[in-house]
Amino acid sequence: MNKGALLGLALIAIGIFALVFNSTQQQSSSVFNFFSSGNVEINESKVVDGDKITSIDIHSSSPNVYLIPSDSDEIIIELTGEVSSKLKNSFSLDVDTSRDKLSVKVNRKSETIRNIFGTIVIRTKLEIYVPEKMYDSISINTSSGKIEIEDLHAKSFDLRASSGKIDIGNIIAEKNFNARTSSGRIEVSNSEAASLNTSASSGSITLKNIQTSTMNIATSSGSIELSDSMGEITAAASSGRITINNKQLNGNISVATSSGRVEINVQDLSSAIVDFKASSGRGNVSVPGMTIEEKSNNLIYGKIGSGDYKIKVRTSSGGFNLN
């Protein structure tokens, strides 16, 4: 076969591959959905008496997890969604109650599908409707699934996700609120906790309108954004940016970052000490009425009012602005 014929066959093959690749429109583990064997629905539900349940423990693989308050005394657990037909028997919903504890597990069989010409579709969600009351503990652990909770009240929350997002709104934690994720984002808004701890690896963390005594926020390459929140703040990041926007200062702020920049804006800053040090990063303080007692390229020490609270910032090469 001459070179021209070989080139022609190669171009035809590339064209077919591009056509099949561009036709893929769904979440898949293979780009070849041209030979897909179809999808099937998952619809499984269980109901338990929620009157005596005070602790909730949820373990899920890929389904998104939604914890939803309900007026009913029953707890309704629903696993729904759509998956490739080859996965129709791969998911199982296990529910167990022991004394005052509810345990929910969504398991997926660790099977290997070696059909290169097939699309693997997984679009599932786990919805759990619980009585609206105060719980002792709520614990959720997911792999790639999202965690979403709103309008719930518990003594403690413990949430863990690998690549999934954690989205929390309008919750009350009498004691501790803990949220951890690897590559997923964490967003918490309009919530109260005695102690709030959030950490992420490459994911960003956003906290808005939080009331707490102490909060600890840590991320590696993700950014940290905090606004309209009360309490002692400790934030640390490696290369991520840290931004704090508050109307008032009602607790100490301690921030540390390597190459990330730190921006702190307080509308009414009337009593505080500012302590900034960096290796090569530079700082800037623009606060009317603040007395700067010591300043150099990599150091700022100042005071306004009686210095009731302290803003401590440490960076390596990251810059710092206080307004």
Protein backbone atom coordinates (compact mmCIF):
# COMPACT_ATOMS: atom_id res chain seq x y z
CA MET A 1 0.00 0.00 0.00
CA ASN A 2 1.47 3.36 -1.02
CA LYS A 3 1.96 6.31 1.30
CA GLY A 4 -1.02 8.21 -0.14
CA ALA A 5 -3.41 5.38 0.65
CA LEU A 6 -2.05 5.05 4.17
CA LEU A 7 -2.48 8.77 4.74
CA GLY A 8 -6.06 8.59 3.48
CA LEU A 9 -6.93 5.73 5.83
CA ALA A 10 -5.37 7.62 8.73
CA LEU A 11 -7.45 10.72 7.99
CA ILE A 12 -10.64 8.63 7.79
CA ALA A 13 -9.84 7.00 11.14
CA ILE A 14 -9.20 10.39 12.75
CA GLY A 15 -12.49 11.70 11.37
CA ILE A 16 -14.47 8.77 12.77
CA PHE A 17 -12.81 9.18 16.18
CA ALA A 18 -13.60 12.91 16.25
CA LEU A 19 -17.24 12.24 15.30
CA VAL A 20 -17.69 9.73 18.11
CA PHE A 21 -15.84 11.95 20.61
CA ASN A 22 -17.96 15.02 19.84
CA SER A 23 -21.20 13.06 20.18
CA THR A 24 -20.56 12.39 23.85
CA GLN A 25 -22.95 14.54 25.91
CA GLN A 26 -23.14 12.76 29.28
CA GLN A 27 -20.90 12.15 32.27
CA SER A 28 -18.84 9.10 31.38
CA SER A 29 -15.69 7.19 32.02
CA SER A 30 -15.25 6.58 28.27
CA VAL A 31 -15.54 8.90 25.30
CA PHE A 32 -17.16 6.19 23.18
CA ASN A 33 -20.89 6.42 23.78
CA PHE A 34 -21.59 5.51 20.16
CA PHE A 35 -22.12 1.91 21.22
CA SER A 36 -23.81 2.67 24.55
CA SER A 37 -26.15 -0.04 25.83
CA GLY A 38 -28.62 2.46 27.35
CA ASN A 39 -29.46 3.70 30.81
CA VAL A 40 -31.78 2.50 33.56
CA GLU A 41 -33.44 4.28 36.46
CA ILE A 42 -32.63 3.67 40.12
CA ASN A 43 -35.52 4.19 42.51
CA GLU A 44 -35.24 2.71 45.98
CA SER A 45 -36.75 4.06 49.18
CA LYS A 46 -37.03 3.08 52.82
CA VAL A 47 -38.96 4.53 55.76
CA VAL A 48 -38.07 4.32 59.45
CA ASP A 49 -39.54 5.78 62.63
CA GLY A 50 -37.62 8.95 63.45
CA ASP A 51 -39.13 9.65 66.85
CA LYS A 52 -36.22 8.23 68.88
CA ILE A 53 -33.41 8.95 66.40
CA THR A 54 -30.91 11.51 67.71
CA SER A 55 -27.78 10.53 65.71
CA ILE A 56 -27.46 10.23 61.93
CA ASP A 57 -24.52 8.54 60.17
CA ILE A 58 -24.38 8.49 56.36
CA HIS A 59 -21.78 6.87 54.11
CA SER A 60 -22.12 7.28 50.36
CA SER A 61 -19.94 6.59 47.33
CA SER A 62 -20.83 8.67 44.27
CA PRO A 63 -24.44 9.80 44.89
CA ASN A 64 -25.01 13.38 46.00
CA VAL A 65 -26.38 13.52 49.55
CA TYR A 66 -29.19 15.88 50.54
CA LEU A 67 -30.33 16.08 54.17
CA ILE A 68 -33.73 17.76 54.27
CA PRO A 69 -35.89 18.77 57.28
CA SER A 70 -39.45 17.49 57.32
CA ASP A 71 -42.65 17.97 59.34
CA SER A 72 -43.15 14.21 59.53
CA ASP A 73 -42.08 11.98 62.45
CA GLU A 74 -40.80 9.44 59.92
CA ILE A 75 -37.43 9.41 58.21
CA ILE A 76 -37.68 8.82 54.47
CA ILE A 77 -34.57 7.64 52.60
CA GLU A 78 -34.67 7.78 48.79
CA LEU A 79 -31.97 6.67 46.36
CA THR A 80 -32.88 7.79 42.85
CA GLY A 81 -31.22 8.56 39.56
CA GLU A 82 -30.00 7.11 36.31
CA VAL A 83 -27.07 4.81 35.56
CA SER A 84 -25.79 2.76 32.66
CA SER A 85 -27.67 -0.53 32.32
CA LYS A 86 -24.44 -2.41 32.99
CA LEU A 87 -24.45 -0.84 36.49
CA LYS A 88 -28.09 -1.52 37.37
CA ASN A 89 -27.16 -4.06 40.06
CA SER A 90 -24.07 -2.24 41.32
CA PHE A 91 -25.71 0.05 43.89
CA SER A 92 -27.32 -0.99 47.16
CA LEU A 93 -29.07 1.03 49.86
CA ASP A 94 -28.56 -0.25 53.40
CA VAL A 95 -30.48 1.31 56.29
CA ASP A 96 -30.11 0.32 59.93
CA THR A 97 -31.42 1.69 63.22
CA SER A 98 -29.79 0.82 66.51
CA ARG A 99 -31.31 2.44 69.60
CA ASP A 100 -31.15 6.17 68.84
CA LYS A 101 -28.83 5.98 65.79
CA LEU A 102 -29.70 5.87 62.10
CA SER A 103 -27.07 4.45 59.74
CA VAL A 104 -27.42 4.83 55.98
CA LYS A 105 -24.98 3.36 53.47
CA VAL A 106 -24.94 3.51 49.69
CA ASN A 107 -22.57 0.84 48.46
CA ARG A 108 -21.24 0.32 44.97
CA LYS A 109 -19.71 -2.95 43.89
CA SER A 110 -16.05 -2.63 42.92
CA GLU A 111 -16.44 -4.18 39.51
CA THR A 112 -14.35 -3.45 36.43
CA ILE A 113 -16.07 -2.86 33.14
CA ARG A 114 -13.72 -3.40 30.24
CA ASN A 115 -16.01 -2.50 27.36
CA ILE A 116 -14.04 0.25 25.66
CA PHE A 117 -17.00 1.04 23.37
CA GLY A 118 -19.43 1.96 26.13
CA THR A 119 -20.49 5.00 28.09
CA ILE A 120 -20.64 4.72 31.88
CA VAL A 121 -23.36 7.06 33.17
CA ILE A 122 -23.84 7.69 36.91
CA ARG A 123 -26.34 10.38 37.93
CA THR A 124 -27.66 9.49 41.35
CA LYS A 125 -28.75 11.26 44.52
CA LEU A 126 -29.54 10.22 48.07
CA GLU A 127 -32.29 12.31 49.69
CA ILE A 128 -32.98 11.85 53.38
CA TYR A 129 -35.98 13.60 54.92
CA VAL A 130 -35.63 13.88 58.70
CA PRO A 131 -37.89 15.30 61.44
CA GLU A 132 -37.11 18.91 62.20
CA LYS A 133 -35.64 18.73 65.72
CA MET A 134 -32.33 18.96 67.57
CA TYR A 135 -29.96 16.02 66.97
CA ASP A 136 -26.96 14.92 69.00
CA SER A 137 -24.78 14.32 65.93
CA ILE A 138 -24.97 14.36 62.15
CA SER A 139 -22.13 12.68 60.26
CA ILE A 140 -21.84 12.38 56.46
CA ASN A 141 -18.98 10.84 54.48
CA THR A 142 -18.90 10.77 50.67
CA SER A 143 -16.38 9.96 47.96
CA SER A 144 -17.23 11.93 44.83
CA GLY A 145 -20.72 12.99 45.84
CA LYS A 146 -21.88 16.42 46.96
CA ILE A 147 -23.16 17.09 50.49
CA GLU A 148 -25.98 19.60 50.96
CA ILE A 149 -27.68 20.46 54.27
CA GLU A 150 -30.08 23.28 55.14
CA ASP A 151 -32.17 24.29 58.15
CA LEU A 152 -31.01 21.62 60.59
CA HIS A 153 -30.02 21.78 64.27
CA ALA A 154 -27.55 19.43 65.99
CA LYS A 155 -24.99 19.43 68.75
CA SER A 156 -22.28 18.48 66.27
CA PHE A 157 -21.82 18.13 62.52
CA ASP A 158 -19.00 16.10 60.95
CA LEU A 159 -18.86 16.25 57.15
CA ARG A 160 -16.25 14.70 54.88
CA ALA A 161 -16.02 14.62 51.09
CA SER A 162 -13.22 13.64 48.75
CA SER A 163 -13.91 15.40 45.47
CA GLY A 164 -17.46 16.47 46.23
CA LYS A 165 -18.66 19.93 47.23
CA ILE A 166 -19.99 20.65 50.73
CA ASP A 167 -22.83 23.20 50.70
CA ILE A 168 -24.34 24.22 54.05
CA GLY A 169 -26.98 26.83 54.85
CA ASN A 170 -28.85 27.99 57.91
CA ILE A 171 -27.70 25.32 60.37
CA ILE A 172 -27.05 25.51 64.12
CA ALA A 173 -24.28 23.48 65.77
CA GLU A 174 -24.48 23.68 69.55
CA LYS A 175 -20.91 22.42 69.86
CA ASN A 176 -18.76 21.62 66.82
CA PHE A 177 -19.11 21.99 63.08
CA ASN A 178 -16.39 20.18 61.11
CA ALA A 179 -16.16 20.03 57.31
CA ARG A 180 -13.29 18.55 55.31
CA THR A 181 -12.76 17.99 51.60
CA SER A 182 -9.88 17.28 49.25
CA SER A 183 -10.56 18.80 45.84
CA GLY A 184 -14.14 19.90 46.50
CA ARG A 185 -15.35 23.32 47.60
CA ILE A 186 -16.83 24.20 50.98
CA GLU A 187 -19.55 26.84 51.28
CA VAL A 188 -21.26 27.68 54.59
CA SER A 189 -23.73 30.54 55.03
CA ASN A 190 -26.15 31.96 57.61
CA SER A 191 -25.13 29.49 60.30
CA GLU A 192 -24.15 29.31 63.98
CA ALA A 193 -21.64 27.08 65.75
CA ALA A 194 -19.76 27.16 69.03
CA SER A 195 -16.66 26.02 67.12
CA LEU A 196 -16.32 25.88 63.33
CA ASN A 197 -13.50 24.01 61.55
CA THR A 198 -13.16 23.74 57.78
CA SER A 199 -10.28 22.41 55.71
CA ALA A 200 -9.62 21.68 52.04
CA SER A 201 -6.66 20.67 49.92
CA SER A 202 -7.15 22.19 46.48
CA GLY A 203 -10.72 23.34 47.05
CA SER A 204 -11.78 26.85 48.03
CA ILE A 205 -13.64 27.75 51.24
CA THR A 206 -16.36 30.41 51.43
CA LEU A 207 -18.00 31.40 54.72
CA LYS A 208 -20.72 34.05 54.89
CA ASN A 209 -22.69 35.36 57.86
CA ILE A 210 -21.28 32.94 60.43
CA GLN A 211 -21.67 33.37 64.20
CA THR A 212 -19.19 31.38 66.26
CA SER A 213 -16.83 31.65 69.19
CA THR A 214 -13.87 30.29 67.22
CA MET A 215 -13.34 29.34 63.60
CA ASN A 216 -10.37 27.58 62.01
CA ILE A 217 -10.04 27.63 58.23
CA ALA A 218 -7.26 25.90 56.31
CA THR A 219 -6.56 25.18 52.65
CA SER A 220 -3.55 24.39 50.50
CA SER A 221 -3.96 25.77 47.00
CA GLY A 222 -7.56 26.91 47.36
CA SER A 223 -8.70 30.39 48.32
CA ILE A 224 -10.44 31.43 51.56
CA GLU A 225 -13.22 34.03 51.56
CA LEU A 226 -14.94 35.13 54.75
CA SER A 227 -17.59 37.82 55.12
CA ASP A 228 -19.96 39.23 57.75
CA SER A 229 -18.89 36.76 60.42
CA MET A 230 -18.40 36.96 64.19
CA GLY A 231 -15.83 35.25 66.40
CA GLU A 232 -12.13 34.49 66.68
CA ILE A 233 -10.73 33.77 63.21
CA THR A 234 -7.71 31.61 62.39
CA ALA A 235 -7.01 31.11 58.68
CA ALA A 236 -4.10 29.44 56.90
CA ALA A 237 -3.33 28.86 53.23
CA SER A 238 -0.32 27.90 51.15
CA SER A 239 -0.73 29.45 47.72
CA GLY A 240 -4.37 30.46 48.10
CA ARG A 241 -5.64 34.00 48.58
CA ILE A 242 -7.31 34.94 51.89
CA THR A 243 -10.03 37.62 51.92
CA ILE A 244 -11.92 38.80 55.01
CA ASN A 245 -14.73 41.35 54.74
CA ASN A 246 -16.45 42.28 58.01
CA LYS A 247 -18.54 45.20 59.15
CA GLN A 248 -16.97 45.11 62.61
CA LEU A 249 -14.12 43.42 64.42
CA ASN A 250 -15.40 41.36 67.36
CA GLY A 251 -12.59 38.86 67.79
CA ASN A 252 -8.90 38.34 67.11
CA ILE A 253 -7.79 37.51 63.58
CA SER A 254 -4.73 35.34 62.90
CA VAL A 255 -3.80 34.70 59.27
CA ALA A 256 -0.85 32.84 57.75
CA THR A 257 -0.03 32.18 54.10
CA SER A 258 2.98 31.38 51.95
CA SER A 259 2.57 32.92 48.52
CA GLY A 260 -1.08 33.86 48.78
CA ARG A 261 -2.22 37.44 49.27
CA VAL A 262 -4.17 38.59 52.36
CA GLU A 263 -6.94 41.20 52.09
CA ILE A 264 -8.76 42.33 55.25
CA ASN A 265 -11.51 44.94 55.10
CA VAL A 266 -13.34 46.13 58.24
CA GLN A 267 -15.90 48.90 57.85
CA ASP A 268 -15.83 50.02 61.48
CA LEU A 269 -12.36 49.38 62.90
CA SER A 270 -12.13 51.36 66.14
CA SER A 271 -10.02 49.25 68.53
CA ALA A 272 -7.29 46.93 67.28
CA ILE A 273 -3.59 46.12 67.10
CA VAL A 274 -2.10 45.26 63.71
CA ASP A 275 0.93 42.97 63.60
CA PHE A 276 2.22 42.11 60.11
CA LYS A 277 5.47 40.32 59.24
CA ALA A 278 6.63 38.79 55.98
CA SER A 279 9.74 37.35 54.39
CA SER A 280 9.55 39.12 51.05
CA GLY A 281 5.91 40.17 50.93
CA ARG A 282 4.87 43.78 51.44
CA GLY A 283 2.06 45.22 53.53
CA ASN A 284 -0.21 48.23 53.37
CA VAL A 285 -2.52 49.62 56.08
CA SER A 286 -5.11 52.28 55.21
CA VAL A 287 -7.13 52.82 58.38
CA PRO A 288 -8.02 56.40 59.43
CA GLY A 289 -6.91 57.12 63.00
CA MET A 290 -4.47 54.23 63.27
CA THR A 291 -1.04 54.99 64.71
CA ILE A 292 1.76 53.14 62.93
CA GLU A 293 4.44 52.52 65.56
CA GLU A 294 6.81 50.52 63.37
CA LYS A 295 6.99 50.04 59.62
CA SER A 296 9.39 48.65 57.02
CA ASN A 297 9.06 46.84 53.71
CA ASN A 298 8.13 43.55 55.39
CA LEU A 299 6.82 44.68 58.78
CA ILE A 300 3.96 46.81 60.11
CA TYR A 301 2.95 47.32 63.73
CA GLY A 302 0.16 49.73 64.55
CA LYS A 303 -2.68 50.48 66.94
CA ILE A 304 -6.06 52.16 66.91
CA GLY A 305 -8.14 52.91 70.00
CA SER A 306 -7.41 50.76 73.05
CA GLY A 307 -6.33 47.78 70.94
CA ASP A 308 -9.00 45.36 72.17
CA TYR A 309 -8.46 42.91 69.32
CA LYS A 310 -5.39 41.81 67.40
CA ILE A 311 -4.95 41.33 63.67
CA LYS A 312 -1.91 39.13 63.18
CA VAL A 313 -0.72 38.37 59.65
CA ARG A 314 2.25 36.25 58.61
CA THR A 315 3.26 35.66 54.99
CA SER A 316 6.30 34.51 53.07
CA SER A 317 6.07 36.16 49.66
CA GLY A 318 2.40 37.09 49.89
CA GLY A 319 1.30 40.70 50.24
CA PHE A 320 -1.10 42.20 52.80
CA ASN A 321 -3.72 44.95 52.68
CA LEU A 322 -5.82 46.24 55.59
CA ASN A 323 -8.58 48.74 54.90
